[in-house]
């Protein structure tokens, strides 16, 4: 049974169980238990265990794709491995379940049609087809006191973004897809179970109340796995500790995000490829994003919580929520000029356009990447003459730095950079009437007259999601209208279609006084770490689903957001060790 109260201006949902947990947290944890956890978490043996677990977890490809049978098979193999490890650690003290994805999720406003399952026309199959044979994983851990249900939920997601790549080690650092987001947190959960087992064996201690561990699928596309888990009445209203890559910072709020899909068409235009249209669309989307940033004014949030990202352009990029690091265009020109001379002049125009780009987004060739020790971007672009008997053809490669959408300011978007470079050519094209040119993707094939641009817009409680969608759609239209004006074409509605039928995460904010936040605060105090000023997280996750379903939620975990989703995704084992200490103590406070 849940009720609402107002705390520090926030409307907070709590349950009777949560209130009871809050009272329990006020009792001091046993000093011997705290000391054991602190020392064990710092030990070499648990560092070794965490590294070994993480490497094994990353070996599994849990990036879903359009082959639902293969996706289900890979997820099952992953959960099989986790279940075996859990039973080896905890024996009969736990129960493990594989609940199927509840078909009712498709009727919930928070449901996100899985874009990875879309066919060639962008249509996503029904949820029953996408999720056939697929499950989440639930682990129930009992406590001393007999209870009808657990006291709290530990949550982590099992899926990763594409492209998947396996693990490698470098000292105390582990690389690989999911090493940071989010298998680092699953490794922490496994180590926590191991640590709790040691407490029982060596000190005769076990939590007073039980707790449940939930491992969810499909967080990266909008949280459908978690949405299914919230429909289980056994766990309604329980406080949730959501383990995510927060760089060891606790959060009780996060920004919202909406993914867009923009189809651009040049059908009916003479000798024009649709690729020419995207630069001005990107300009307008970026401009609107800056307006949204300037308007942001909400408690716990800053303008930095607002990000605009373009993750997929035709065949380039893998995910709307990841920064694209490479775009290649082919320019076909008809003129009497020598190709080498044209390439040199094109390079000069690009340098001018790049200077404008760098003013806004910075020069990442001059910034060191913490993962590699090298510049984040080796060079901005290459121009190569392609031999051809009748036309002057050029391949233009534009380079960036990949990463999580929320860290776009620390990355380098090849799509945005390409928009500046190609947009610069479009602007100066009228000065060269004797050169007739058109563009297309260098590696795309397919239909040059229709392309798709995908990305996302972050926002805070200062804005409603519907308003964000309307403004993005308007920006895309203005971009195509600007293109038509520049090229002296007549605009028509069929040139641009903006849809928002993918991830649509609302912003949320709970009170810093919520039960799980206080549990984290108690854990920080126990290990002697200063408690930071509460702020909102710069990305979104499944916390808002639980929050809106009546759960108090806090977010915490190891790994830097800027490392997530990148080609050099990594996490440092000492960070996992600190997350282990905090998570274990917070769990004990909650139970």
Protein backbone atom coordinates (compact mmCIF):
# COMPACT_ATOMS: atom_id res chain seq x y z
CA UNK A 1 0.00 0.00 0.00
CA UNK A 2 1.51 3.33 -1.05
CA UNK A 3 0.83 6.93 -0.14
CA UNK A 4 2.28 10.30 -1.13
CA UNK A 5 3.85 13.03 0.93
CA UNK A 6 5.61 16.32 0.19
CA UNK A 7 9.28 16.66 1.18
CA UNK A 8 11.31 19.78 0.43
CA UNK A 9 8.91 20.70 -2.33
CA UNK A 10 9.02 17.27 -3.99
CA UNK A 11 6.11 14.88 -4.24
CA UNK A 12 7.43 11.54 -3.01
CA UNK A 13 5.91 8.08 -3.18
CA UNK A 14 6.62 5.76 -0.27
CA UNK A 15 5.28 2.47 0.97
CA UNK A 16 4.78 1.20 4.51
CA UNK A 17 7.71 -1.14 3.93
CA UNK A 18 9.84 1.84 2.90
CA UNK A 19 8.91 3.73 6.06
CA UNK A 20 9.82 0.68 8.14
CA UNK A 21 13.14 0.47 6.31
CA UNK A 22 13.73 4.13 7.11
CA UNK A 23 13.34 3.41 10.82
CA UNK A 24 15.71 0.44 10.55
CA UNK A 25 18.34 2.62 8.89
CA UNK A 26 18.46 4.87 11.92
CA UNK A 27 19.89 2.00 13.97
CA UNK A 28 23.66 1.89 13.71
CA UNK A 29 25.27 -0.95 11.74
CA UNK A 30 27.46 -3.33 13.70
CA UNK A 31 30.99 -1.89 13.72
CA UNK A 32 32.54 -5.33 13.17
CA UNK A 33 30.38 -5.82 10.09
CA UNK A 34 31.26 -2.38 8.73
CA UNK A 35 34.97 -2.92 9.29
CA UNK A 36 34.88 -6.35 7.65
CA UNK A 37 33.12 -4.98 4.57
CA UNK A 38 35.51 -2.03 4.29
CA UNK A 39 38.62 -4.19 4.49
CA UNK A 40 37.29 -7.04 2.34
CA UNK A 41 36.18 -4.69 -0.44
CA UNK A 42 39.71 -3.26 -0.58
CA UNK A 43 41.36 -6.68 -0.61
CA UNK A 44 43.31 -8.15 -3.50
CA UNK A 45 41.21 -11.34 -3.41
CA UNK A 46 37.96 -9.45 -4.08
CA UNK A 47 39.69 -7.27 -6.69
CA UNK A 48 40.69 -10.50 -8.43
CA UNK A 49 37.17 -11.88 -8.10
CA UNK A 50 35.58 -8.71 -9.49
CA UNK A 51 37.94 -8.68 -12.47
CA UNK A 52 37.36 -12.35 -13.21
CA UNK A 53 33.58 -11.96 -12.97
CA UNK A 54 33.56 -8.88 -15.16
CA UNK A 55 35.69 -10.46 -17.88
CA UNK A 56 33.39 -13.50 -17.94
CA UNK A 57 30.25 -11.32 -18.07
CA UNK A 58 31.59 -9.19 -20.94
CA UNK A 59 32.29 -12.32 -22.98
CA UNK A 60 28.53 -12.66 -23.50
CA UNK A 61 27.02 -10.59 -26.30
CA UNK A 62 23.79 -9.22 -24.82
CA UNK A 63 23.21 -6.56 -27.48
CA UNK A 64 19.74 -7.33 -28.90
CA UNK A 65 19.19 -7.32 -32.67
CA UNK A 66 16.50 -8.03 -35.26
CA UNK A 67 16.88 -11.80 -34.89
CA UNK A 68 14.69 -12.27 -31.81
CA UNK A 69 15.44 -16.00 -31.59
CA UNK A 70 19.20 -15.40 -31.53
CA UNK A 71 18.78 -12.54 -29.04
CA UNK A 72 16.73 -14.77 -26.72
CA UNK A 73 19.35 -17.51 -27.00
CA UNK A 74 22.22 -15.17 -26.08
CA UNK A 75 20.30 -13.69 -23.16
CA UNK A 76 19.47 -17.18 -21.87
CA UNK A 77 23.13 -18.22 -22.04
CA UNK A 78 24.08 -15.10 -20.08
CA UNK A 79 21.46 -15.69 -17.39
CA UNK A 80 22.44 -19.38 -17.22
CA UNK A 81 26.00 -18.35 -16.40
CA UNK A 82 24.88 -15.78 -13.80
CA UNK A 83 22.55 -18.31 -12.16
CA UNK A 84 25.30 -20.93 -11.91
CA UNK A 85 27.65 -18.41 -10.30
CA UNK A 86 24.98 -17.21 -7.87
CA UNK A 87 24.14 -20.75 -6.77
CA UNK A 88 27.81 -21.56 -6.32
CA UNK A 89 28.20 -18.52 -4.08
CA UNK A 90 24.94 -18.65 -2.12
CA UNK A 91 23.79 -22.25 -2.41
CA UNK A 92 20.26 -22.86 -1.16
CA UNK A 93 19.98 -19.47 0.53
CA UNK A 94 18.57 -17.96 -2.66
CA UNK A 95 15.84 -18.64 -5.21
CA UNK A 96 16.18 -17.80 -8.88
CA UNK A 97 13.38 -17.08 -11.36
CA UNK A 98 13.21 -16.29 -15.08
CA UNK A 99 9.95 -14.35 -15.46
CA UNK A 100 8.78 -13.90 -19.04
CA UNK A 101 8.27 -10.38 -20.31
CA UNK A 102 4.72 -9.40 -19.37
CA UNK A 103 2.68 -8.79 -22.56
CA UNK A 104 0.86 -5.93 -20.83
CA UNK A 105 3.91 -3.71 -21.27
CA UNK A 106 2.76 -2.89 -24.82
CA UNK A 107 -0.27 -1.09 -23.37
CA UNK A 108 1.75 1.05 -20.98
CA UNK A 109 2.66 4.65 -21.97
CA UNK A 110 6.25 3.94 -20.91
CA UNK A 111 6.60 1.11 -23.46
CA UNK A 112 9.28 1.75 -26.09
CA UNK A 113 9.00 -0.15 -29.38
CA UNK A 114 12.39 -1.88 -29.77
CA UNK A 115 14.06 -0.11 -32.68
CA UNK A 116 16.61 -2.90 -33.08
CA UNK A 117 13.78 -5.20 -34.23
CA UNK A 118 12.56 -2.83 -36.96
CA UNK A 119 12.29 -4.09 -40.51
CA UNK A 120 13.61 -2.31 -43.63
CA UNK A 121 10.70 0.14 -43.55
CA UNK A 122 11.24 1.02 -39.91
CA UNK A 123 8.22 -0.92 -38.64
CA UNK A 124 8.65 -2.75 -35.32
CA UNK A 125 6.91 -6.14 -34.88
CA UNK A 126 4.35 -6.62 -32.06
CA UNK A 127 5.82 -6.98 -28.58
CA UNK A 128 4.71 -10.61 -28.33
CA UNK A 129 6.87 -11.43 -31.32
CA UNK A 130 9.90 -9.40 -30.20
CA UNK A 131 9.86 -10.83 -26.66
CA UNK A 132 8.91 -14.43 -27.40
CA UNK A 133 11.12 -16.70 -25.29
CA UNK A 134 12.86 -13.80 -23.56
CA UNK A 135 13.00 -13.21 -19.80
CA UNK A 136 14.41 -11.14 -16.97
CA UNK A 137 16.26 -12.72 -14.04
CA UNK A 138 15.14 -12.44 -10.40
CA UNK A 139 17.23 -13.57 -7.42
CA UNK A 140 15.58 -13.57 -3.99
CA UNK A 141 17.90 -13.48 -0.97
CA UNK A 142 16.37 -14.37 2.39
CA UNK A 143 17.09 -12.67 5.70
CA UNK A 144 16.84 -13.65 9.36
CA UNK A 145 13.27 -12.58 9.92
CA UNK A 146 10.50 -14.54 8.18
CA UNK A 147 8.85 -12.13 5.78
CA UNK A 148 6.12 -12.33 3.20
CA UNK A 149 8.27 -10.29 0.84
CA UNK A 150 11.72 -8.67 0.67
CA UNK A 151 12.65 -5.26 2.05
CA UNK A 152 14.38 -3.77 -1.00
CA UNK A 153 15.35 -4.24 -4.65
CA UNK A 154 18.87 -4.20 -6.13
CA UNK A 155 18.54 -3.57 -9.85
CA UNK A 156 20.91 -3.72 -12.81
CA UNK A 157 20.36 -4.13 -16.54
CA UNK A 158 21.94 -6.95 -18.54
CA UNK A 159 21.73 -5.57 -22.09
CA UNK A 160 24.41 -3.56 -23.90
CA UNK A 161 24.44 -1.38 -27.00
CA UNK A 162 25.83 -2.43 -30.37
CA UNK A 163 28.41 -3.11 -31.62
CA UNK A 164 29.44 -5.80 -29.17
CA UNK A 165 33.14 -6.54 -28.64
CA UNK A 166 34.79 -8.85 -26.16
CA UNK A 167 36.91 -8.14 -23.08
CA UNK A 168 40.56 -7.33 -22.70
CA UNK A 169 42.58 -6.40 -19.62
CA UNK A 170 45.18 -3.72 -19.05
CA UNK A 171 46.40 -3.64 -15.47
CA UNK A 172 43.45 -2.85 -13.21
CA UNK A 173 41.32 -1.73 -16.17
CA UNK A 174 38.90 -3.95 -18.10
CA UNK A 175 37.78 -2.99 -21.60
CA UNK A 176 34.85 -4.39 -23.55
CA UNK A 177 31.25 -3.68 -24.44
CA UNK A 178 29.29 -3.52 -21.22
CA UNK A 179 32.41 -3.43 -19.04
CA UNK A 180 31.16 -0.07 -17.75
CA UNK A 181 27.50 -0.01 -18.79
CA UNK A 182 26.30 -2.14 -17.16
CA UNK A 183 28.03 -5.45 -16.43
CA UNK A 184 30.33 -3.75 -13.95
CA UNK A 185 27.27 -3.45 -11.72
CA UNK A 186 26.35 -7.13 -12.14
CA UNK A 187 29.91 -8.03 -11.12
CA UNK A 188 29.41 -5.86 -8.02
CA UNK A 189 26.16 -7.70 -7.21
CA UNK A 190 27.89 -11.09 -7.49
CA UNK A 191 30.73 -9.88 -5.25
CA UNK A 192 28.17 -8.52 -2.79
CA UNK A 193 26.54 -11.95 -2.51
CA UNK A 194 29.99 -13.45 -1.95
CA UNK A 195 30.73 -10.85 0.72
CA UNK A 196 27.43 -11.45 2.50
CA UNK A 197 28.24 -15.17 2.53
CA UNK A 198 31.58 -14.44 4.18
CA UNK A 199 29.86 -12.29 6.81
CA UNK A 200 27.61 -15.19 7.68
CA UNK A 201 30.45 -17.72 7.83
CA UNK A 202 32.98 -15.62 9.75
CA UNK A 203 30.85 -13.32 11.90
CA UNK A 204 27.56 -15.20 12.02
CA UNK A 205 25.86 -12.16 10.52
CA UNK A 206 23.07 -11.99 7.98
CA UNK A 207 20.63 -9.19 7.06
CA UNK A 208 17.49 -8.95 9.20
CA UNK A 209 15.33 -8.71 6.10
CA UNK A 210 15.65 -10.23 2.67
CA UNK A 211 16.08 -8.44 -0.62
CA UNK A 212 15.54 -9.15 -4.29
CA UNK A 213 17.99 -8.72 -7.16
CA UNK A 214 16.49 -7.88 -10.54
CA UNK A 215 18.49 -8.15 -13.77
CA UNK A 216 16.53 -6.61 -16.63
CA UNK A 217 16.80 -6.72 -20.40
CA UNK A 218 16.25 -3.87 -22.87
CA UNK A 219 17.18 -0.92 -20.68
CA UNK A 220 19.15 0.69 -23.50
CA UNK A 221 16.10 0.98 -25.77
CA UNK A 222 13.77 2.40 -23.13
CA UNK A 223 13.35 0.00 -20.23
CA UNK A 224 10.85 -2.63 -21.35
CA UNK A 225 12.42 -5.30 -19.15
CA UNK A 226 12.07 -3.11 -16.08
CA UNK A 227 8.56 -2.12 -17.07
CA UNK A 228 7.66 -5.81 -16.97
CA UNK A 229 9.30 -6.25 -13.56
CA UNK A 230 7.29 -3.38 -12.05
CA UNK A 231 4.10 -5.28 -12.89
CA UNK A 232 4.96 -7.99 -10.34
CA UNK A 233 2.72 -7.25 -7.31
CA UNK A 234 5.10 -9.05 -4.93
CA UNK A 235 7.56 -6.17 -5.09
CA UNK A 236 5.22 -3.16 -5.35
CA UNK A 237 6.46 -0.02 -3.63
CA UNK A 238 9.79 -1.45 -2.43
CA UNK A 239 12.77 0.95 -2.27
CA UNK A 240 15.11 0.44 -5.23
CA UNK A 241 18.88 0.77 -5.37
CA UNK A 242 19.53 1.02 -9.10
CA UNK A 243 23.11 0.16 -10.01
CA UNK A 244 24.34 2.19 -12.98
CA UNK A 245 27.56 3.81 -14.20
CA UNK A 246 27.41 6.93 -12.01
CA UNK A 247 31.14 7.27 -11.30
CA UNK A 248 30.42 6.50 -7.61
CA UNK A 249 28.04 9.46 -7.25
CA UNK A 250 24.55 8.88 -5.76
CA UNK A 251 21.57 10.34 -7.61
CA UNK A 252 17.86 10.67 -6.84
CA UNK A 253 16.88 12.29 -10.15
CA UNK A 254 17.80 12.11 -13.83
CA UNK A 255 17.17 14.02 -17.01
CA UNK A 256 14.68 12.81 -19.59
CA UNK A 257 15.47 11.79 -23.16
CA UNK A 258 13.50 11.25 -26.31
CA UNK A 259 14.85 9.52 -29.41
CA UNK A 260 13.88 10.85 -32.82
CA UNK A 261 13.82 9.23 -36.26
CA UNK A 262 13.97 11.71 -39.14
CA UNK A 263 13.35 10.47 -42.69
CA UNK A 264 14.59 12.82 -45.42
CA UNK A 265 13.52 12.41 -49.04
CA UNK A 266 14.69 14.11 -52.23
CA UNK A 267 12.29 12.26 -54.51
CA UNK A 268 11.17 14.45 -57.38
CA UNK A 269 14.18 16.76 -57.17
CA UNK A 270 16.56 16.79 -60.17
CA UNK A 271 19.94 15.10 -59.60
CA UNK A 272 19.81 15.58 -55.83
CA UNK A 273 20.71 13.04 -53.15
CA UNK A 274 18.90 13.19 -49.83
CA UNK A 275 22.27 13.31 -48.05
CA UNK A 276 22.47 16.99 -49.02
CA UNK A 277 19.52 17.75 -46.74
CA UNK A 278 20.85 16.48 -43.42
CA UNK A 279 23.37 19.31 -42.66
CA UNK A 280 20.72 21.99 -42.34
CA UNK A 281 18.46 19.66 -40.37
CA UNK A 282 21.31 19.01 -37.92
CA UNK A 283 21.96 22.78 -37.69
CA UNK A 284 18.37 23.42 -36.70
CA UNK A 285 18.18 20.52 -34.24
CA UNK A 286 21.37 21.73 -32.56
CA UNK A 287 20.04 25.30 -32.46
CA UNK A 288 16.78 24.18 -30.87
CA UNK A 289 18.72 22.08 -28.37
CA UNK A 290 20.67 25.15 -27.30
CA UNK A 291 17.39 27.03 -26.78
CA UNK A 292 16.08 24.21 -24.58
CA UNK A 293 19.34 24.28 -22.62
CA UNK A 294 19.04 28.04 -22.05
CA UNK A 295 15.45 27.66 -20.79
CA UNK A 296 16.31 24.93 -18.26
CA UNK A 297 15.64 25.89 -14.66
CA UNK A 298 14.70 23.07 -12.27
CA UNK A 299 15.90 22.03 -8.79
CA UNK A 300 18.77 19.49 -8.88
CA UNK A 301 19.27 20.15 -12.62
CA UNK A 302 21.58 22.43 -14.61
CA UNK A 303 21.73 23.31 -18.33
CA UNK A 304 24.40 20.59 -18.70
CA UNK A 305 21.63 18.01 -18.27
CA UNK A 306 20.35 19.00 -21.72
CA UNK A 307 22.17 17.29 -24.60
CA UNK A 308 21.48 17.01 -28.33
CA UNK A 309 22.90 13.95 -30.05
CA UNK A 310 22.76 12.50 -33.56
CA UNK A 311 23.68 8.84 -33.31
CA UNK A 312 22.82 7.29 -36.70
CA UNK A 313 23.04 8.69 -40.21
CA UNK A 314 22.23 6.18 -42.92
CA UNK A 315 24.77 3.33 -42.58
CA UNK A 316 26.89 5.21 -40.01
CA UNK A 317 26.46 4.92 -36.26
CA UNK A 318 24.86 2.11 -34.30
CA UNK A 319 22.53 3.63 -31.71
CA UNK A 320 20.55 6.88 -31.26
CA UNK A 321 21.92 7.15 -27.71
CA UNK A 322 25.57 6.79 -28.76
CA UNK A 323 27.79 9.43 -30.33
CA UNK A 324 28.69 8.52 -33.93
CA UNK A 325 32.44 8.50 -34.62
CA UNK A 326 32.64 8.13 -38.41
CA UNK A 327 30.77 9.33 -41.49
CA UNK A 328 31.94 8.88 -45.09
CA UNK A 329 30.47 10.77 -48.04
CA UNK A 330 31.10 10.53 -51.75
CA UNK A 331 30.93 13.73 -53.76
CA UNK A 332 30.40 13.45 -57.52
CA UNK A 333 31.21 16.57 -59.52
CA UNK A 334 31.08 17.48 -63.20
CA UNK A 335 33.49 20.19 -64.22
CA UNK A 336 36.60 20.88 -66.28
CA UNK A 337 38.80 21.32 -63.21
CA UNK A 338 41.51 18.86 -62.24
CA UNK A 339 40.42 16.55 -59.40
CA UNK A 340 43.57 17.19 -57.37
CA UNK A 341 43.01 20.93 -57.60
CA UNK A 342 39.37 20.51 -56.57
CA UNK A 343 40.40 18.34 -53.61
CA UNK A 344 42.84 21.00 -52.43
CA UNK A 345 40.22 23.77 -52.64
CA UNK A 346 37.68 21.53 -50.92
CA UNK A 347 40.14 21.00 -48.08
CA UNK A 348 40.47 24.79 -47.72
CA UNK A 349 36.70 25.20 -47.53
CA UNK A 350 36.52 22.40 -44.97
CA UNK A 351 39.16 24.05 -42.78
CA UNK A 352 37.06 27.24 -42.71
CA UNK A 353 33.92 25.24 -41.81
CA UNK A 354 35.87 23.24 -39.23
CA UNK A 355 36.95 26.47 -37.54
CA UNK A 356 33.28 27.32 -37.02
CA UNK A 357 32.61 23.84 -35.67
CA UNK A 358 35.52 24.04 -33.22
CA UNK A 359 34.26 27.37 -31.86
CA UNK A 360 31.09 25.63 -30.68
CA UNK A 361 32.22 22.08 -29.88
CA UNK A 362 35.94 22.34 -29.20
CA UNK A 363 38.89 20.65 -30.90
CA UNK A 364 39.14 17.07 -29.69
CA UNK A 365 42.41 16.51 -31.58
CA UNK A 366 43.92 18.60 -28.76
CA UNK A 367 42.27 16.72 -25.89
CA UNK A 368 43.77 13.53 -24.42
CA UNK A 369 41.56 10.46 -24.13
CA UNK A 370 41.82 9.04 -20.59
CA UNK A 371 41.20 5.51 -21.93
CA UNK A 372 44.07 5.50 -24.45
CA UNK A 373 46.41 8.36 -23.50
CA UNK A 374 46.17 9.57 -27.10
CA UNK A 375 44.19 12.47 -28.62
CA UNK A 376 40.46 11.78 -28.61
CA UNK A 377 40.46 12.34 -32.38
CA UNK A 378 43.59 11.76 -34.49
CA UNK A 379 42.37 13.98 -37.35
CA UNK A 380 39.10 15.59 -38.35
CA UNK A 381 38.75 14.53 -41.98
CA UNK A 382 40.38 12.98 -45.04
CA UNK A 383 39.73 13.73 -48.73
CA UNK A 384 40.60 11.11 -51.33
CA UNK A 385 40.29 11.43 -55.12
CA UNK A 386 38.46 8.44 -56.63
CA UNK A 387 39.52 7.69 -60.21
CA UNK A 388 36.67 8.07 -62.71
CA UNK A 389 36.66 8.62 -66.48
CA UNK A 390 33.66 10.96 -66.72
CA UNK A 391 33.28 12.74 -63.36
CA UNK A 392 35.42 14.00 -60.51
CA UNK A 393 34.68 11.76 -57.53
CA UNK A 394 35.86 12.30 -53.99
CA UNK A 395 35.59 10.28 -50.80
CA UNK A 396 35.33 12.39 -47.65
CA UNK A 397 35.84 10.65 -44.31
CA UNK A 398 34.85 12.60 -41.18
CA UNK A 399 36.07 11.32 -37.81
CA UNK A 400 34.81 11.80 -34.27
CA UNK A 401 34.92 10.23 -30.81
CA UNK A 402 32.17 7.84 -29.75
CA UNK A 403 30.59 7.56 -26.32
CA UNK A 404 27.35 7.89 -24.42
CA UNK A 405 24.86 10.54 -25.54
CA UNK A 406 24.93 12.10 -22.06
CA UNK A 407 28.69 12.68 -22.49
CA UNK A 408 28.35 14.16 -25.97
CA UNK A 409 30.16 17.34 -24.86
CA UNK A 410 33.20 15.20 -23.98
CA UNK A 411 32.96 13.22 -27.22
CA UNK A 412 33.05 14.43 -30.83
CA UNK A 413 30.05 13.83 -33.07
CA UNK A 414 31.09 12.90 -36.60
CA UNK A 415 27.52 13.57 -37.77
CA UNK A 416 27.48 17.12 -36.40
CA UNK A 417 30.97 17.73 -37.79
CA UNK A 418 29.94 16.36 -41.18
CA UNK A 419 26.97 18.73 -41.13
CA UNK A 420 29.32 21.68 -40.71
CA UNK A 421 31.70 20.51 -43.45
CA UNK A 422 29.07 19.57 -46.03
CA UNK A 423 26.98 22.57 -45.03
CA UNK A 424 29.96 24.78 -45.78
CA UNK A 425 30.15 23.33 -49.30
CA UNK A 426 26.44 23.89 -49.81
CA UNK A 427 26.77 27.54 -48.85
CA UNK A 428 29.63 28.27 -51.25
CA UNK A 429 28.26 26.12 -54.11
CA UNK A 430 26.34 29.04 -55.72
CA UNK A 431 29.71 30.79 -56.20
CA UNK A 432 30.77 28.01 -58.60
CA UNK A 433 27.94 27.72 -61.16
CA UNK A 434 30.14 25.74 -63.57
CA UNK A 435 30.48 22.85 -61.11
CA UNK A 436 27.50 20.50 -60.88
CA UNK A 437 27.80 18.20 -57.89
CA UNK A 438 25.79 15.81 -55.79
CA UNK A 439 26.53 13.68 -52.75
CA UNK A 440 25.77 10.24 -51.34
CA UNK A 441 27.01 7.92 -48.62
CA UNK A 442 30.34 6.38 -49.53
CA UNK A 443 29.53 2.98 -48.04
CA UNK A 444 25.77 2.94 -48.10
CA UNK A 445 24.42 1.58 -51.33
CA UNK A 446 20.63 1.52 -51.40
CA UNK A 447 18.42 4.48 -52.25
CA UNK A 448 20.28 7.78 -52.47
CA UNK A 449 17.00 9.68 -52.49
CA UNK A 450 15.92 8.70 -48.98
CA UNK A 451 18.00 8.63 -45.80
CA UNK A 452 17.31 8.31 -42.08
CA UNK A 453 18.86 10.41 -39.32
CA UNK A 454 18.39 9.21 -35.73
CA UNK A 455 19.37 10.69 -32.40
CA UNK A 456 18.11 12.00 -29.10
CA UNK A 457 17.32 15.12 -27.11
CA UNK A 458 17.85 15.32 -23.38
CA UNK A 459 15.65 17.54 -21.20
CA UNK A 460 14.78 18.29 -17.58
CA UNK A 461 11.51 18.80 -15.65
CA UNK A 462 11.55 22.37 -17.01
CA UNK A 463 9.98 20.94 -20.19
CA UNK A 464 7.25 18.47 -21.07
CA UNK A 465 8.19 15.60 -23.34
CA UNK A 466 5.41 16.43 -25.80
CA UNK A 467 6.75 19.98 -26.14
CA UNK A 468 10.26 18.67 -26.79
CA UNK A 469 8.92 16.42 -29.54
CA UNK A 470 6.98 19.28 -31.15
CA UNK A 471 10.02 21.54 -31.10
CA UNK A 472 12.30 18.90 -32.60
CA UNK A 473 9.81 18.19 -35.37
CA UNK A 474 9.60 21.92 -36.07
CA UNK A 475 13.40 22.21 -36.15
CA UNK A 476 13.71 19.36 -38.67
CA UNK A 477 11.12 20.99 -40.90
CA UNK A 478 12.92 24.36 -40.71
CA UNK A 479 16.13 22.61 -41.71
CA UNK A 480 14.59 21.19 -44.88
CA UNK A 481 12.89 24.51 -45.63
CA UNK A 482 16.30 26.22 -45.34
CA UNK A 483 17.79 23.65 -47.70
CA UNK A 484 15.05 24.27 -50.24
CA UNK A 485 15.58 28.00 -50.03
CA UNK A 486 19.33 27.59 -50.52
CA UNK A 487 18.87 25.28 -53.51
CA UNK A 488 15.84 27.14 -54.84
CA UNK A 489 13.54 24.12 -54.63
CA UNK A 490 9.92 24.20 -53.61
CA UNK A 491 9.37 22.64 -50.20
CA UNK A 492 6.81 19.88 -49.79
CA UNK A 493 5.73 17.93 -46.72
CA UNK A 494 6.99 14.61 -48.11
CA UNK A 495 10.61 15.78 -47.82
CA UNK A 496 10.76 15.33 -44.04
CA UNK A 497 9.03 13.04 -41.58
CA UNK A 498 9.89 13.11 -37.89
CA UNK A 499 8.75 10.29 -35.57
CA UNK A 500 9.29 9.54 -31.86
CA UNK A 501 8.28 5.90 -31.57
CA UNK A 502 11.46 4.73 -29.85
CA UNK A 503 12.86 5.53 -26.40
CA UNK A 504 10.91 8.23 -24.58
CA UNK A 505 12.22 8.54 -21.02
CA UNK A 506 10.60 11.22 -18.91
CA UNK A 507 12.67 13.23 -16.45
CA UNK A 508 12.13 12.42 -12.79
CA UNK A 509 13.14 13.83 -9.42
CA UNK A 510 12.75 12.21 -6.03
CA UNK A 511 13.73 13.80 -2.73
CA UNK A 512 17.32 13.50 -1.44
CA UNK A 513 15.64 12.29 1.78
CA UNK A 514 14.24 9.15 0.13
CA UNK A 515 14.86 5.80 1.79
CA UNK A 516 17.46 4.46 -0.69
CA UNK A 517 19.32 7.79 -0.75
CA UNK A 518 19.53 7.71 3.04
CA UNK A 519 20.81 4.14 2.84
CA UNK A 520 23.58 5.31 0.50
CA UNK A 521 24.30 8.23 2.82
CA UNK A 522 24.69 5.82 5.74
CA UNK A 523 27.04 3.69 3.60
CA UNK A 524 29.16 6.71 2.65
CA UNK A 525 29.46 7.66 6.31
CA UNK A 526 30.41 4.10 7.27
CA UNK A 527 33.38 4.01 4.87
CA UNK A 528 34.38 7.60 5.63
CA UNK A 529 33.52 9.12 2.25
CA UNK A 530 32.09 12.66 2.12
CA UNK A 531 28.45 12.85 1.09
CA UNK A 532 28.13 14.98 -2.08
CA UNK A 533 25.54 17.68 -2.66
CA UNK A 534 22.58 15.88 -4.30
CA UNK A 535 22.13 16.66 -8.00
CA UNK A 536 20.41 14.98 -10.93
CA UNK A 537 22.18 12.47 -13.16
CA UNK A 538 23.06 13.72 -16.64
CA UNK A 539 21.53 10.73 -18.39
CA UNK A 540 18.36 8.68 -17.96
CA UNK A 541 17.79 5.08 -16.95
CA UNK A 542 15.02 2.83 -15.70
CA UNK A 543 14.84 4.67 -12.36
CA UNK A 544 12.04 6.86 -13.67
CA UNK A 545 9.92 3.74 -14.45
CA UNK A 546 10.12 2.54 -10.85
CA UNK A 547 9.62 6.08 -9.53
CA UNK A 548 6.44 6.59 -11.53
CA UNK A 549 5.20 3.16 -10.39
CA UNK A 550 5.45 4.15 -6.73
CA UNK A 551 8.99 3.10 -5.74
CA UNK A 552 11.51 5.38 -4.01
CA UNK A 553 14.69 5.06 -6.11
CA UNK A 554 18.35 5.99 -5.85
CA UNK A 555 20.99 5.45 -8.55
CA UNK A 556 24.60 4.51 -7.83
CA UNK A 557 27.45 2.51 -9.31
CA UNK A 558 30.93 2.28 -10.78
CA UNK A 559 32.18 3.47 -14.15
CA UNK A 560 32.40 6.79 -15.93
CA UNK A 561 29.53 7.80 -18.18
CA UNK A 562 31.93 9.13 -20.81
CA UNK A 563 33.38 5.60 -21.15
CA UNK A 564 29.98 3.96 -21.69
CA UNK A 565 28.93 3.14 -25.30
CA UNK A 566 32.37 4.09 -26.64
CA UNK A 567 34.75 2.08 -28.81
CA UNK A 568 37.12 1.95 -25.81
CA UNK A 569 34.48 1.27 -23.15
CA UNK A 570 36.21 0.45 -19.88
CA UNK A 571 35.97 0.41 -16.10
CA UNK A 572 38.62 0.44 -13.37
CA UNK A 573 38.56 -2.37 -10.79
CA UNK A 574 39.31 -0.05 -7.81
CA UNK A 575 36.07 1.78 -8.64
CA UNK A 576 34.20 -1.54 -8.55
CA UNK A 577 35.75 -2.24 -5.14
CA UNK A 578 34.49 1.07 -3.76
CA UNK A 579 31.06 0.49 -5.32
CA UNK A 580 31.03 -2.94 -3.67
CA UNK A 581 31.60 -1.49 -0.20
CA UNK A 582 28.94 1.20 -0.62
CA UNK A 583 26.39 -1.10 -2.25
CA UNK A 584 26.78 -3.80 0.41
CA UNK A 585 26.45 -1.38 3.30
CA UNK A 586 23.47 0.36 1.66
CA UNK A 587 21.81 -3.03 1.18
CA UNK A 588 22.26 -3.82 4.86
CA UNK A 589 20.84 -0.42 5.78
CA UNK A 590 17.80 -1.08 3.60
CA UNK A 591 17.21 -4.57 5.04
